[in-house]
Amino acid sequence: MKLLPSLLLIMASACSQSPDGGHIALMDAIDRRLVMPPKAHPLREYARYYARRQDGKIAIFLTAYVNMPSTPEAGERRWIDLRLMPDASDGGCGIINAVYDPSVDRVDQIRCNGPN
């Protein structure tokens, strides 16, 4: 009979671990903190990439250019390795770069990627 409580405890702890490493909950938290720049589209119109930087902060790349084959659909999110983070040298508010600091639950920066 002592085996049953131990088995239930193991099963409960296994169920509490997120198979995505907690990334969905973290992306949800970040999305709630993002305040879009004045000339930007609504958040739902951007495909979003998130990656943890070496300093523990989260780099975020948002793109409204979603008609390209390798880009997620508008509103979709992907947690990726930082080495795979997209980069662009222009794009106005069609591309936005942001940094989220999870240690203080705050977006440190958010900016359009050049003039419109």
N, C-alpha and C. Protein backbone atom coordinates (compact mmCIF):
# COMPACT_ATOMS: atom_id res chain seq x y z
N MET A 1 0.81 -1.20 0.00
CA MET A 1 0.00 0.00 0.00
C MET A 1 0.85 1.26 0.00
N LYS A 2 2.09 1.20 0.49
CA LYS A 2 2.95 2.38 0.50
C LYS A 2 3.40 2.73 -0.91
N LEU A 3 3.36 1.82 -1.81
CA LEU A 3 3.78 2.06 -3.19
C LEU A 3 2.83 3.01 -3.89
N LEU A 4 1.54 2.93 -3.64
CA LEU A 4 0.56 3.76 -4.32
C LEU A 4 0.79 5.24 -4.09
N PRO A 5 0.96 5.74 -2.86
CA PRO A 5 1.21 7.17 -2.67
C PRO A 5 2.48 7.64 -3.39
N SER A 6 3.53 6.82 -3.37
CA SER A 6 4.77 7.19 -4.05
C SER A 6 4.55 7.27 -5.56
N LEU A 7 3.82 6.32 -6.11
CA LEU A 7 3.53 6.31 -7.54
C LEU A 7 2.70 7.53 -7.93
N LEU A 8 1.71 7.88 -7.11
CA LEU A 8 0.89 9.05 -7.40
C LEU A 8 1.72 10.33 -7.35
N LEU A 9 2.67 10.41 -6.42
CA LEU A 9 3.53 11.58 -6.31
C LEU A 9 4.42 11.71 -7.55
N ILE A 10 4.96 10.62 -8.01
CA ILE A 10 5.80 10.63 -9.21
C ILE A 10 4.98 11.05 -10.42
N MET A 11 3.78 10.50 -10.55
CA MET A 11 2.92 10.85 -11.68
C MET A 11 2.53 12.32 -11.64
N ALA A 12 2.24 12.85 -10.47
CA ALA A 12 1.86 14.25 -10.35
C ALA A 12 3.01 15.17 -10.72
N SER A 13 4.23 14.83 -10.32
CA SER A 13 5.36 15.68 -10.66
C SER A 13 5.66 15.62 -12.14
N ALA A 14 5.47 14.48 -12.77
CA ALA A 14 5.68 14.35 -14.22
C ALA A 14 4.67 15.19 -14.98
N CYS A 15 3.45 15.25 -14.50
CA CYS A 15 2.41 16.02 -15.18
C CYS A 15 2.64 17.51 -15.04
N SER A 16 3.33 17.94 -13.98
CA SER A 16 3.52 19.37 -13.76
C SER A 16 4.66 19.93 -14.60
N GLN A 17 5.49 19.08 -15.19
CA GLN A 17 6.58 19.56 -16.03
C GLN A 17 6.06 19.82 -17.44
N SER A 18 6.36 21.00 -17.95
CA SER A 18 5.89 21.38 -19.26
C SER A 18 6.77 20.75 -20.33
N PRO A 19 6.19 20.09 -21.32
CA PRO A 19 6.99 19.47 -22.37
C PRO A 19 7.70 20.49 -23.24
N ASP A 20 7.26 21.76 -23.22
CA ASP A 20 7.90 22.79 -24.04
C ASP A 20 8.94 23.56 -23.24
N GLY A 21 9.29 23.10 -22.05
CA GLY A 21 10.28 23.78 -21.23
C GLY A 21 9.79 25.07 -20.63
N GLY A 22 8.48 25.29 -20.62
CA GLY A 22 7.93 26.52 -20.08
C GLY A 22 7.93 27.67 -21.07
N HIS A 23 8.31 27.40 -22.30
CA HIS A 23 8.41 28.47 -23.29
C HIS A 23 7.07 29.10 -23.63
N ILE A 24 6.01 28.33 -23.68
CA ILE A 24 4.70 28.90 -24.02
C ILE A 24 4.28 29.89 -22.94
N ALA A 25 4.43 29.51 -21.69
CA ALA A 25 4.06 30.42 -20.59
C ALA A 25 4.93 31.67 -20.61
N LEU A 26 6.21 31.52 -20.92
CA LEU A 26 7.10 32.68 -20.98
C LEU A 26 6.72 33.58 -22.16
N MET A 27 6.43 33.01 -23.32
CA MET A 27 6.00 33.82 -24.46
C MET A 27 4.69 34.53 -24.15
N ASP A 28 3.77 33.86 -23.45
CA ASP A 28 2.52 34.51 -23.03
C ASP A 28 2.80 35.72 -22.14
N ALA A 29 3.71 35.54 -21.18
CA ALA A 29 4.06 36.64 -20.27
C ALA A 29 4.67 37.81 -21.02
N ILE A 30 5.56 37.50 -21.95
CA ILE A 30 6.19 38.56 -22.74
C ILE A 30 5.14 39.29 -23.58
N ASP A 31 4.27 38.54 -24.23
CA ASP A 31 3.24 39.16 -25.08
C ASP A 31 2.36 40.12 -24.28
N ARG A 32 2.10 39.80 -23.02
CA ARG A 32 1.29 40.69 -22.18
C ARG A 32 2.03 41.98 -21.85
N ARG A 33 3.36 41.97 -21.89
CA ARG A 33 4.16 43.14 -21.53
C ARG A 33 4.50 44.02 -22.74
N LEU A 34 4.39 43.47 -23.94
CA LEU A 34 4.79 44.24 -25.12
C LEU A 34 3.83 45.40 -25.39
N VAL A 35 4.39 46.58 -25.49
CA VAL A 35 3.64 47.77 -25.90
C VAL A 35 4.24 48.17 -27.25
N MET A 36 3.45 48.04 -28.29
CA MET A 36 3.95 48.25 -29.63
C MET A 36 4.32 49.72 -29.87
N PRO A 37 5.38 49.96 -30.67
CA PRO A 37 5.73 51.34 -31.02
C PRO A 37 4.57 52.02 -31.75
N PRO A 38 4.52 53.35 -31.73
CA PRO A 38 3.39 54.08 -32.29
C PRO A 38 3.02 53.74 -33.74
N LYS A 39 3.98 53.49 -34.61
CA LYS A 39 3.68 53.22 -36.03
C LYS A 39 3.53 51.73 -36.33
N ALA A 40 3.59 50.90 -35.32
CA ALA A 40 3.53 49.45 -35.51
C ALA A 40 2.09 48.97 -35.70
N HIS A 41 1.98 47.78 -36.28
CA HIS A 41 0.70 47.10 -36.42
C HIS A 41 0.33 46.49 -35.06
N PRO A 42 -0.89 46.01 -34.91
CA PRO A 42 -1.23 45.27 -33.68
C PRO A 42 -0.37 44.00 -33.58
N LEU A 43 -0.08 43.57 -32.38
CA LEU A 43 0.77 42.40 -32.14
C LEU A 43 0.31 41.18 -32.93
N ARG A 44 -0.99 40.97 -33.04
CA ARG A 44 -1.52 39.76 -33.71
C ARG A 44 -1.14 39.68 -35.19
N GLU A 45 -0.67 40.79 -35.78
CA GLU A 45 -0.30 40.81 -37.19
C GLU A 45 1.16 40.43 -37.44
N TYR A 46 1.88 40.14 -36.37
CA TYR A 46 3.30 39.79 -36.49
C TYR A 46 3.54 38.32 -36.20
N ALA A 47 4.42 37.71 -36.98
CA ALA A 47 5.00 36.43 -36.60
C ALA A 47 6.12 36.77 -35.62
N ARG A 48 6.31 35.95 -34.58
CA ARG A 48 7.25 36.30 -33.54
C ARG A 48 8.22 35.16 -33.24
N TYR A 49 9.47 35.55 -33.04
CA TYR A 49 10.53 34.62 -32.66
C TYR A 49 11.07 35.05 -31.30
N TYR A 50 11.33 34.09 -30.44
CA TYR A 50 11.85 34.35 -29.11
C TYR A 50 13.07 33.45 -28.90
N ALA A 51 14.12 34.01 -28.28
CA ALA A 51 15.32 33.22 -27.99
C ALA A 51 16.00 33.78 -26.75
N ARG A 52 16.50 32.88 -25.92
CA ARG A 52 17.21 33.30 -24.71
C ARG A 52 18.64 33.68 -25.08
N ARG A 53 19.03 34.88 -24.61
CA ARG A 53 20.39 35.35 -24.83
C ARG A 53 21.32 34.80 -23.75
N GLN A 54 22.61 35.00 -23.93
CA GLN A 54 23.60 34.52 -22.96
C GLN A 54 23.42 35.17 -21.60
N ASP A 55 22.94 36.42 -21.56
CA ASP A 55 22.76 37.13 -20.30
C ASP A 55 21.43 36.80 -19.61
N GLY A 56 20.67 35.86 -20.18
CA GLY A 56 19.40 35.43 -19.58
C GLY A 56 18.19 36.21 -20.08
N LYS A 57 18.42 37.32 -20.75
CA LYS A 57 17.31 38.09 -21.31
C LYS A 57 16.79 37.39 -22.56
N ILE A 58 15.58 37.77 -22.97
CA ILE A 58 14.95 37.15 -24.13
C ILE A 58 14.95 38.13 -25.28
N ALA A 59 15.55 37.73 -26.40
CA ALA A 59 15.52 38.52 -27.63
C ALA A 59 14.23 38.17 -28.36
N ILE A 60 13.57 39.18 -28.90
CA ILE A 60 12.31 38.97 -29.62
C ILE A 60 12.42 39.65 -30.98
N PHE A 61 12.06 38.93 -32.01
CA PHE A 61 12.05 39.45 -33.38
C PHE A 61 10.63 39.29 -33.90
N LEU A 62 10.00 40.40 -34.26
CA LEU A 62 8.63 40.40 -34.77
C LEU A 62 8.65 40.81 -36.23
N THR A 63 7.93 40.11 -37.08
CA THR A 63 7.88 40.48 -38.48
C THR A 63 6.45 40.44 -39.00
N ALA A 64 6.09 41.51 -39.70
CA ALA A 64 4.78 41.56 -40.35
C ALA A 64 4.88 41.03 -41.77
N TYR A 65 6.10 40.71 -42.20
CA TYR A 65 6.32 40.15 -43.54
C TYR A 65 6.12 38.64 -43.45
N VAL A 66 4.89 38.22 -43.54
CA VAL A 66 4.54 36.82 -43.30
C VAL A 66 4.21 36.04 -44.56
N ASN A 67 4.40 36.61 -45.72
CA ASN A 67 4.08 35.90 -46.97
C ASN A 67 5.28 35.16 -47.53
N MET A 68 6.35 35.03 -46.75
CA MET A 68 7.53 34.32 -47.20
C MET A 68 7.45 32.87 -46.72
N PRO A 69 7.98 31.94 -47.52
CA PRO A 69 7.86 30.51 -47.18
C PRO A 69 8.42 30.12 -45.81
N SER A 70 9.49 30.75 -45.36
CA SER A 70 10.11 30.32 -44.10
C SER A 70 9.58 31.08 -42.89
N THR A 71 8.64 31.97 -43.09
CA THR A 71 8.11 32.78 -42.00
C THR A 71 6.81 32.18 -41.47
N PRO A 72 6.65 32.14 -40.15
CA PRO A 72 5.37 31.68 -39.60
C PRO A 72 4.23 32.61 -40.04
N GLU A 73 3.02 32.17 -39.86
CA GLU A 73 1.85 32.99 -40.16
C GLU A 73 1.73 34.12 -39.14
N ALA A 74 0.98 35.15 -39.50
CA ALA A 74 0.72 36.24 -38.57
C ALA A 74 0.13 35.68 -37.29
N GLY A 75 0.63 36.13 -36.17
CA GLY A 75 0.15 35.67 -34.87
C GLY A 75 0.86 34.44 -34.33
N GLU A 76 1.58 33.71 -35.17
CA GLU A 76 2.29 32.52 -34.71
C GLU A 76 3.58 32.90 -34.00
N ARG A 77 4.01 32.03 -33.07
CA ARG A 77 5.23 32.27 -32.31
C ARG A 77 6.11 31.04 -32.39
N ARG A 78 7.42 31.29 -32.34
CA ARG A 78 8.39 30.19 -32.30
C ARG A 78 9.47 30.50 -31.29
N TRP A 79 9.77 29.51 -30.45
CA TRP A 79 10.92 29.61 -29.55
C TRP A 79 12.07 28.95 -30.29
N ILE A 80 13.16 29.68 -30.48
CA ILE A 80 14.27 29.16 -31.27
C ILE A 80 15.59 29.35 -30.53
N ASP A 81 16.62 28.73 -31.05
CA ASP A 81 17.98 28.94 -30.57
C ASP A 81 18.42 30.33 -31.03
N LEU A 82 19.15 31.04 -30.19
CA LEU A 82 19.57 32.40 -30.50
C LEU A 82 20.36 32.47 -31.81
N ARG A 83 21.11 31.42 -32.12
CA ARG A 83 21.90 31.41 -33.36
C ARG A 83 21.01 31.41 -34.60
N LEU A 84 19.74 31.05 -34.45
CA LEU A 84 18.81 31.01 -35.58
C LEU A 84 17.91 32.24 -35.65
N MET A 85 18.13 33.21 -34.77
CA MET A 85 17.29 34.40 -34.73
C MET A 85 17.42 35.16 -36.05
N PRO A 86 16.28 35.48 -36.68
CA PRO A 86 16.33 36.27 -37.92
C PRO A 86 16.96 37.63 -37.66
N ASP A 87 17.46 38.23 -38.73
CA ASP A 87 18.08 39.54 -38.63
C ASP A 87 17.69 40.32 -39.88
N ALA A 88 17.53 41.60 -39.74
CA ALA A 88 17.19 42.45 -40.88
C ALA A 88 17.83 43.81 -40.67
N SER A 89 18.18 44.46 -41.77
CA SER A 89 18.82 45.77 -41.66
C SER A 89 17.85 46.92 -41.90
N ASP A 90 16.62 46.61 -42.25
CA ASP A 90 15.62 47.65 -42.50
C ASP A 90 14.25 47.05 -42.23
N GLY A 91 13.20 47.64 -42.74
CA GLY A 91 11.87 47.07 -42.59
C GLY A 91 10.89 47.97 -41.87
N GLY A 92 11.37 49.12 -41.40
CA GLY A 92 10.47 50.02 -40.69
C GLY A 92 9.80 49.31 -39.53
N CYS A 93 8.52 49.59 -39.33
CA CYS A 93 7.77 48.93 -38.25
C CYS A 93 7.19 47.59 -38.70
N GLY A 94 7.55 47.15 -39.91
CA GLY A 94 7.20 45.81 -40.34
C GLY A 94 8.06 44.78 -39.64
N ILE A 95 9.18 45.24 -39.10
CA ILE A 95 10.07 44.39 -38.30
C ILE A 95 10.37 45.14 -37.01
N ILE A 96 10.21 44.45 -35.91
CA ILE A 96 10.42 45.05 -34.60
C ILE A 96 11.37 44.15 -33.81
N ASN A 97 12.29 44.78 -33.12
CA ASN A 97 13.21 44.07 -32.23
C ASN A 97 12.90 44.48 -30.80
N ALA A 98 12.93 43.52 -29.90
CA ALA A 98 12.64 43.80 -28.50
C ALA A 98 13.52 42.92 -27.62
N VAL A 99 13.66 43.34 -26.37
CA VAL A 99 14.39 42.56 -25.37
C VAL A 99 13.55 42.55 -24.10
N TYR A 100 13.34 41.36 -23.57
CA TYR A 100 12.58 41.17 -22.34
C TYR A 100 13.52 40.64 -21.27
N ASP A 101 13.43 41.22 -20.07
CA ASP A 101 14.24 40.79 -18.94
C ASP A 101 13.36 40.03 -17.96
N PRO A 102 13.45 38.70 -17.94
CA PRO A 102 12.59 37.91 -17.05
C PRO A 102 12.90 38.11 -15.57
N SER A 103 14.10 38.58 -15.24
CA SER A 103 14.44 38.76 -13.82
C SER A 103 13.64 39.89 -13.17
N VAL A 104 13.17 40.84 -14.00
CA VAL A 104 12.36 41.94 -13.47
C VAL A 104 11.00 42.02 -14.17
N ASP A 105 10.71 41.03 -15.04
CA ASP A 105 9.43 40.95 -15.75
C ASP A 105 9.12 42.27 -16.48
N ARG A 106 10.10 42.67 -17.33
CA ARG A 106 9.96 43.95 -18.01
C ARG A 106 10.57 43.89 -19.41
N VAL A 107 9.93 44.57 -20.36
CA VAL A 107 10.50 44.75 -21.68
C VAL A 107 11.50 45.90 -21.58
N ASP A 108 12.79 45.61 -21.80
CA ASP A 108 13.83 46.62 -21.70
C ASP A 108 13.84 47.55 -22.90
N GLN A 109 13.56 47.00 -24.07
CA GLN A 109 13.55 47.83 -25.27
C GLN A 109 12.61 47.21 -26.30
N ILE A 110 12.02 48.08 -27.10
CA ILE A 110 11.22 47.65 -28.23
C ILE A 110 11.30 48.78 -29.25
N ARG A 111 11.71 48.43 -30.47
CA ARG A 111 11.89 49.46 -31.48
C ARG A 111 11.62 48.93 -32.88
N CYS A 112 11.14 49.81 -33.73
CA CYS A 112 10.99 49.48 -35.14
C CYS A 112 12.37 49.38 -35.74
N ASN A 113 12.49 48.58 -36.79
CA ASN A 113 13.77 48.30 -37.43
C ASN A 113 14.02 49.28 -38.57
N GLY A 114 14.03 50.54 -38.26
CA GLY A 114 14.30 51.57 -39.26
C GLY A 114 13.06 52.39 -39.55
N PRO A 115 13.22 53.44 -40.34
CA PRO A 115 12.09 54.30 -40.67
C PRO A 115 11.11 53.61 -41.60
N ASN A 116 9.87 54.05 -41.55
CA ASN A 116 8.85 53.49 -42.46
C ASN A 116 9.03 53.98 -43.86
